[in-house]
PDB file of N, CA and C in Angstrom:
ATOM      1  N   UNK A   1       1.221  -1.271  -0.052  1.00  0.00           N
ATOM      2  CA  UNK A   1       0.153  -0.130  -0.042  1.00  0.00           C
ATOM      3  C   UNK A   1       0.579   0.730  -0.229  1.00  0.00           C
ATOM      4  N   UNK A   2       2.047   1.077   0.505  1.00  0.00           N
ATOM      5  CA  UNK A   2       2.715   2.414   0.775  1.00  0.00           C
ATOM      6  C   UNK A   2       3.605   2.698  -0.331  1.00  0.00           C
ATOM      7  N   UNK A   3       3.536   1.389  -1.142  1.00  0.00           N
ATOM      8  CA  UNK A   3       4.437   1.841  -3.074  1.00  0.00           C
ATOM      9  C   UNK A   3       3.274   2.745  -3.109  1.00  0.00           C
ATOM     10  N   UNK A   4       1.905   2.444  -3.339  1.00  0.00           N
ATOM     11  CA  UNK A   4       1.164   2.798  -4.357  1.00  0.00           C
ATOM     12  C   UNK A   4       0.784   4.845  -3.469  1.00  0.00           C
ATOM     13  N   UNK A   5       0.493   4.673  -2.261  1.00  0.00           N
ATOM     14  CA  UNK A   5       0.262   5.899  -1.968  1.00  0.00           C
ATOM     15  C   UNK A   5       1.043   5.970  -0.212  1.00  0.00           C
ATOM     16  N   UNK A   6       2.420   6.605  -0.125  1.00  0.00           N
ATOM     17  CA  UNK A   6       3.251   6.707   0.744  1.00  0.00           C
ATOM     18  C   UNK A   6       2.277   7.090   2.328  1.00  0.00           C
ATOM     19  N   UNK A   7       0.998   8.551   2.118  1.00  0.00           N
ATOM     20  CA  UNK A   7       1.132   8.788   3.230  1.00  0.00           C
ATOM     21  C   UNK A   7       0.081   7.801   3.905  1.00  0.00           C
ATOM     22  N   UNK A   8      -0.160   6.713   3.607  1.00  0.00           N
ATOM     23  CA  UNK A   8      -1.127   5.648   4.189  1.00  0.00           C
ATOM     24  C   UNK A   8       0.091   4.768   5.217  1.00  0.00           C
ATOM     25  N   UNK A   9      -0.472   4.727   6.470  1.00  0.00           N
ATOM     26  CA  UNK A   9       0.718   3.477   7.410  1.00  0.00           C
ATOM     27  C   UNK A   9       0.301   2.512   7.493  1.00  0.00           C
ATOM     28  N   UNK A  10      -0.644   1.868   7.214  1.00  0.00           N
ATOM     29  CA  UNK A  10      -1.237   0.760   7.170  1.00  0.00           C
ATOM     30  C   UNK A  10      -2.615   0.648   6.414  1.00  0.00           C
ATOM     31  N   UNK A  11      -3.086  -0.597   6.810  1.00  0.00           N
ATOM     32  CA  UNK A  11      -4.225  -0.933   6.334  1.00  0.00           C
ATOM     33  C   UNK A  11      -5.470  -0.640   7.145  1.00  0.00           C
ATOM     34  N   UNK A  12      -5.421  -0.808   8.607  1.00  0.00           N
ATOM     35  CA  UNK A  12      -6.510   0.385   9.208  1.00  0.00           C
ATOM     36  C   UNK A  12      -6.582   1.031   9.265  1.00  0.00           C
ATOM     37  N   UNK A  13      -5.497   2.302   8.597  1.00  0.00           N
ATOM     38  CA  UNK A  13      -5.648   3.703   8.301  1.00  0.00           C
ATOM     39  C   UNK A  13      -6.539   3.688   7.240  1.00  0.00           C
ATOM     40  N   UNK A  14      -6.411   2.970   6.117  1.00  0.00           N
ATOM     41  CA  UNK A  14      -6.806   3.177   4.915  1.00  0.00           C
ATOM     42  C   UNK A  14      -8.908   2.784   5.364  1.00  0.00           C
ATOM     43  N   UNK A  15      -8.476   1.117   6.399  1.00  0.00           N
ATOM     44  CA  UNK A  15      -9.999   1.200   6.189  1.00  0.00           C
ATOM     45  C   UNK A  15     -10.619   2.243   7.124  1.00  0.00           C
ATOM     46  N   UNK A  16     -10.356   3.203   7.858  1.00  0.00           N
ATOM     47  CA  UNK A  16     -11.230   4.444   8.760  1.00  0.00           C
ATOM     48  C   UNK A  16     -11.081   5.354   7.708  1.00  0.00           C
ATOM     49  N   UNK A  17     -11.098   5.800   6.597  1.00  0.00           N
ATOM     50  CA  UNK A  17     -10.500   6.421   5.977  1.00  0.00           C
ATOM     51  C   UNK A  17     -11.987   5.736   4.876  1.00  0.00           C
ATOM     52  N   UNK A  18     -12.165   4.461   4.564  1.00  0.00           N
ATOM     53  CA  UNK A  18     -13.434   4.056   3.968  1.00  0.00           C
ATOM     54  C   UNK A  18     -14.370   4.414   4.623  1.00  0.00           C
ATOM     55  N   UNK A  19     -14.829   4.158   5.801  1.00  0.00           N
ATOM     56  CA  UNK A  19     -15.962   3.966   6.976  1.00  0.00           C
ATOM     57  C   UNK A  19     -15.828   5.424   6.577  1.00  0.00           C
ATOM     58  N   UNK A  20     -14.957   6.137   7.071  1.00  0.00           N
ATOM     59  CA  UNK A  20     -15.000   7.885   7.460  1.00  0.00           C
ATOM     60  C   UNK A  20     -15.932   7.896   5.769  1.00  0.00           C
ATOM     61  N   UNK A  21     -15.356   8.020   4.901  1.00  0.00           N
ATOM     62  CA  UNK A  21     -16.038   8.744   3.746  1.00  0.00           C
ATOM     63  C   UNK A  21     -17.146   7.773   3.572  1.00  0.00           C
ATOM     64  N   UNK A  22     -18.196   6.728   3.415  1.00  0.00           N
ATOM     65  CA  UNK A  22     -19.253   5.877   3.634  1.00  0.00           C
ATOM     66  C   UNK A  22     -20.399   6.883   4.598  1.00  0.00           C
ATOM     67  N   UNK A  23     -19.648   7.005   5.914  1.00  0.00           N
ATOM     68  CA  UNK A  23     -20.863   7.799   6.469  1.00  0.00           C
ATOM     69  C   UNK A  23     -21.108   9.128   6.213  1.00  0.00           C
ATOM     70  N   UNK A  24     -19.849   9.891   5.201  1.00  0.00           N
ATOM     71  CA  UNK A  24     -21.221  10.785   4.516  1.00  0.00           C
ATOM     72  C   UNK A  24     -22.087  10.680   3.802  1.00  0.00           C
ATOM     73  N   UNK A  25     -22.081   9.606   3.322  1.00  0.00           N
ATOM     74  CA  UNK A  25     -22.815   9.008   1.856  1.00  0.00           C
ATOM     75  C   UNK A  25     -23.956   8.659   2.407  1.00  0.00           C
ATOM     76  N   UNK A  26     -23.929   7.849   3.028  1.00  0.00           N
ATOM     77  CA  UNK A  26     -24.939   6.536   3.249  1.00  0.00           C
ATOM     78  C   UNK A  26     -25.212   6.585   4.813  1.00  0.00           C
ATOM     79  N   UNK A  27     -26.548   5.665   5.098  1.00  0.00           N
ATOM     80  CA  UNK A  27     -26.848   5.720   6.558  1.00  0.00           C
ATOM     81  C   UNK A  27     -26.112   5.249   7.967  1.00  0.00           C
ATOM     82  N   UNK A  28     -26.334   5.424   8.775  1.00  0.00           N
ATOM     83  CA  UNK A  28     -25.576   5.046   9.942  1.00  0.00           C
ATOM     84  C   UNK A  28     -25.518   3.046  10.028  1.00  0.00           C
ATOM     85  N   UNK A  29     -26.340   3.134   9.957  1.00  0.00           N
ATOM     86  CA  UNK A  29     -27.336   1.513   9.734  1.00  0.00           C
ATOM     87  C   UNK A  29     -26.411   0.423   8.661  1.00  0.00           C
ATOM     88  N   UNK A  30     -26.655   1.203   7.801  1.00  0.00           N
ATOM     89  CA  UNK A  30     -25.988   0.383   6.670  1.00  0.00           C
ATOM     90  C   UNK A  30     -24.320   0.643   6.559  1.00  0.00           C
ATOM     91  N   UNK A  31     -24.219   1.634   7.040  1.00  0.00           N
ATOM     92  CA  UNK A  31     -22.608   1.587   7.144  1.00  0.00           C
ATOM     93  C   UNK A  31     -21.893   0.451   8.412  1.00  0.00           C
ATOM     94  N   UNK A  32     -23.138   0.387   9.200  1.00  0.00           N
ATOM     95  CA  UNK A  32     -22.961  -0.091  10.171  1.00  0.00           C
ATOM     96  C   UNK A  32     -22.563  -1.643   9.981  1.00  0.00           C
ATOM     97  N   UNK A  33     -23.442  -2.627   8.993  1.00  0.00           N
ATOM     98  CA  UNK A  33     -23.851  -3.466   8.463  1.00  0.00           C
ATOM     99  C   UNK A  33     -22.484  -3.976   7.025  1.00  0.00           C
ATOM    100  N   UNK A  34     -22.528  -2.684   6.471  1.00  0.00           N
ATOM    101  CA  UNK A  34     -21.131  -2.757   5.439  1.00  0.00           C
ATOM    102  C   UNK A  34     -19.700  -3.131   6.109  1.00  0.00           C
ATOM    103  N   UNK A  35     -19.462  -2.738   7.423  1.00  0.00           N
ATOM    104  CA  UNK A  35     -18.378  -2.368   8.259  1.00  0.00           C
ATOM    105  C   UNK A  35     -18.407  -3.816   9.014  1.00  0.00           C
ATOM    106  N   UNK A  36     -19.339  -4.523   8.912  1.00  0.00           N
ATOM    107  CA  UNK A  36     -19.273  -5.929   9.878  1.00  0.00           C
ATOM    108  C   UNK A  36     -19.129  -5.160  11.369  1.00  0.00           C
ATOM    109  N   UNK A  37     -19.514  -4.480  11.873  1.00  0.00           N
ATOM    110  CA  UNK A  37     -19.450  -4.030  13.546  1.00  0.00           C
ATOM    111  C   UNK A  37     -21.103  -4.645  13.807  1.00  0.00           C
ATOM    112  N   UNK A  38     -20.921  -5.528  14.885  1.00  0.00           N
ATOM    113  CA  UNK A  38     -21.766  -5.973  15.588  1.00  0.00           C
ATOM    114  C   UNK A  38     -22.580  -4.465  16.062  1.00  0.00           C
ATOM    115  N   UNK A  39     -21.803  -3.931  17.021  1.00  0.00           N
ATOM    116  CA  UNK A  39     -22.512  -2.496  17.624  1.00  0.00           C
ATOM    117  C   UNK A  39     -22.405  -1.355  16.977  1.00  0.00           C
ATOM    118  N   UNK A  40     -24.138  -0.430  17.154  1.00  0.00           N
ATOM    119  CA  UNK A  40     -23.120   0.691  16.000  1.00  0.00           C
ATOM    120  C   UNK A  40     -22.485   1.680  16.865  1.00  0.00           C
ATOM    121  N   UNK A  41     -22.276   1.685  18.146  1.00  0.00           N
ATOM    122  CA  UNK A  41     -21.636   2.473  18.817  1.00  0.00           C
ATOM    123  C   UNK A  41     -19.599   2.556  17.840  1.00  0.00           C
ATOM    124  N   UNK A  42     -19.304   1.009  17.597  1.00  0.00           N
ATOM    125  CA  UNK A  42     -18.432   1.274  17.339  1.00  0.00           C
ATOM    126  C   UNK A  42     -17.844   1.820  15.563  1.00  0.00           C
ATOM    127  N   UNK A  43     -19.230   1.744  15.132  1.00  0.00           N
ATOM    128  CA  UNK A  43     -19.504   2.620  13.935  1.00  0.00           C
ATOM    129  C   UNK A  43     -19.559   4.229  14.045  1.00  0.00           C
ATOM    130  N   UNK A  44     -20.002   4.586  15.305  1.00  0.00           N
ATOM    131  CA  UNK A  44     -20.696   6.199  15.167  1.00  0.00           C
ATOM    132  C   UNK A  44     -19.240   6.663  15.613  1.00  0.00           C
ATOM    133  N   UNK A  45     -17.944   5.825  16.038  1.00  0.00           N
ATOM    134  CA  UNK A  45     -16.938   6.146  16.655  1.00  0.00           C
ATOM    135  C   UNK A  45     -16.141   7.294  15.280  1.00  0.00           C
ATOM    136  N   UNK A  46     -16.659   6.456  13.774  1.00  0.00           N
ATOM    137  CA  UNK A  46     -15.921   6.851  12.437  1.00  0.00           C
ATOM    138  C   UNK A  46     -16.603   8.649  12.575  1.00  0.00           C
ATOM    139  N   UNK A  47     -17.649   8.931  12.639  1.00  0.00           N
ATOM    140  CA  UNK A  47     -18.354   9.398  12.392  1.00  0.00           C
ATOM    141  C   UNK A  47     -17.156  11.055  13.001  1.00  0.00           C
ATOM    142  N   UNK A  48     -17.482  11.769  11.841  1.00  0.00           N
ATOM    143  CA  UNK A  48     -16.847  13.248  12.293  1.00  0.00           C
ATOM    144  C   UNK A  48     -17.830  14.411  12.041  1.00  0.00           C
ATOM    145  N   UNK A  49     -17.373  15.914  12.673  1.00  0.00           N
ATOM    146  CA  UNK A  49     -18.242  16.766  12.698  1.00  0.00           C
ATOM    147  C   UNK A  49     -18.440  17.401  11.102  1.00  0.00           C
ATOM    148  N   UNK A  50     -17.478  16.960  10.466  1.00  0.00           N
ATOM    149  CA  UNK A  50     -16.965  17.242   9.513  1.00  0.00           C
ATOM    150  C   UNK A  50     -16.769  18.736   9.210  1.00  0.00           C
ATOM    151  N   UNK A  51     -15.206  19.360  10.589  1.00  0.00           N
ATOM    152  CA  UNK A  51     -15.027  20.534  10.219  1.00  0.00           C
ATOM    153  C   UNK A  51     -14.363  21.083   9.260  1.00  0.00           C
ATOM    154  N   UNK A  52     -13.621  19.878   9.008  1.00  0.00           N
ATOM    155  CA  UNK A  52     -12.669  20.493   7.885  1.00  0.00           C
ATOM    156  C   UNK A  52     -13.252  20.237   6.190  1.00  0.00           C
ATOM    157  N   UNK A  53     -14.601  20.381   5.955  1.00  0.00           N
ATOM    158  CA  UNK A  53     -15.656  20.664   5.202  1.00  0.00           C
ATOM    159  C   UNK A  53     -15.979  21.547   5.237  1.00  0.00           C
ATOM    160  N   UNK A  54     -16.414  22.168   6.981  1.00  0.00           N
ATOM    161  CA  UNK A  54     -17.202  23.679   7.062  1.00  0.00           C
ATOM    162  C   UNK A  54     -15.605  24.915   6.781  1.00  0.00           C
ATOM    163  N   UNK A  55     -14.568  24.313   7.020  1.00  0.00           N
ATOM    164  CA  UNK A  55     -13.913  24.808   7.050  1.00  0.00           C
ATOM    165  C   UNK A  55     -13.373  25.385   5.364  1.00  0.00           C
ATOM    166  N   UNK A  56     -13.778  24.372   4.618  1.00  0.00           N
ATOM    167  CA  UNK A  56     -13.046  24.408   3.463  1.00  0.00           C
ATOM    168  C   UNK A  56     -14.849  24.678   2.528  1.00  0.00           C
ATOM    169  N   UNK A  57     -15.473  25.156   2.915  1.00  0.00           N
ATOM    170  CA  UNK A  57     -16.882  25.671   2.355  1.00  0.00           C
ATOM    171  C   UNK A  57     -16.649  27.501   2.427  1.00  0.00           C
ATOM    172  N   UNK A  58     -16.568  27.562   4.381  1.00  0.00           N
ATOM    173  CA  UNK A  58     -16.655  28.759   4.347  1.00  0.00           C
ATOM    174  C   UNK A  58     -14.995  29.782   3.600  1.00  0.00           C
ATOM    175  N   UNK A  59     -13.895  29.151   3.260  1.00  0.00           N
ATOM    176  CA  UNK A  59     -13.045  29.734   2.833  1.00  0.00           C
ATOM    177  C   UNK A  59     -13.428  29.795   1.565  1.00  0.00           C
ATOM    178  N   UNK A  60     -13.884  28.875   1.144  1.00  0.00           N
ATOM    179  CA  UNK A  60     -14.493  28.880  -0.990  1.00  0.00           C
ATOM    180  C   UNK A  60     -15.636  30.147  -0.397  1.00  0.00           C
ATOM    181  N   UNK A  61     -16.419  30.284   0.533  1.00  0.00           N
ATOM    182  CA  UNK A  61     -17.866  31.403   0.050  1.00  0.00           C
ATOM    183  C   UNK A  61     -18.101  32.245   0.987  1.00  0.00           C
ATOM    184  N   UNK A  62     -17.180  32.470   1.919  1.00  0.00           N
ATOM    185  CA  UNK A  62     -16.901  33.700   2.886  1.00  0.00           C
ATOM    186  C   UNK A  62     -16.726  34.792   1.677  1.00  0.00           C
ATOM    187  N   UNK A  63     -17.520  36.452   2.282  1.00  0.00           N
ATOM    188  CA  UNK A  63     -17.634  36.927   1.316  1.00  0.00           C
ATOM    189  C   UNK A  63     -15.783  37.794   1.540  1.00  0.00           C
ATOM    190  N   UNK A  64     -15.475  38.012   2.493  1.00  0.00           N
ATOM    191  CA  UNK A  64     -14.648  39.151   3.119  1.00  0.00           C
ATOM    192  C   UNK A  64     -12.962  38.322   2.821  1.00  0.00           C
ATOM    193  N   UNK A  65     -13.109  36.810   1.827  1.00  0.00           N
ATOM    194  CA  UNK A  65     -11.966  36.281   1.847  1.00  0.00           C
ATOM    195  C   UNK A  65     -11.345  36.519   0.271  1.00  0.00           C
TER     196      UNK A  65
END
């Protein structure tokens, strides 16, 4: 994996990235099933507040920027 993209440290990081992206597009229960998590709390910890997305949108659309 490091040969393809050196910023990835291991397979777990790739899995986390995929689950986080799924949560942006799909229902929590669907992602729980797709990720193979027994408990919904395991899936919930991958949810982000999308702070990065908000910062990007603010920088892109703010009138004083």
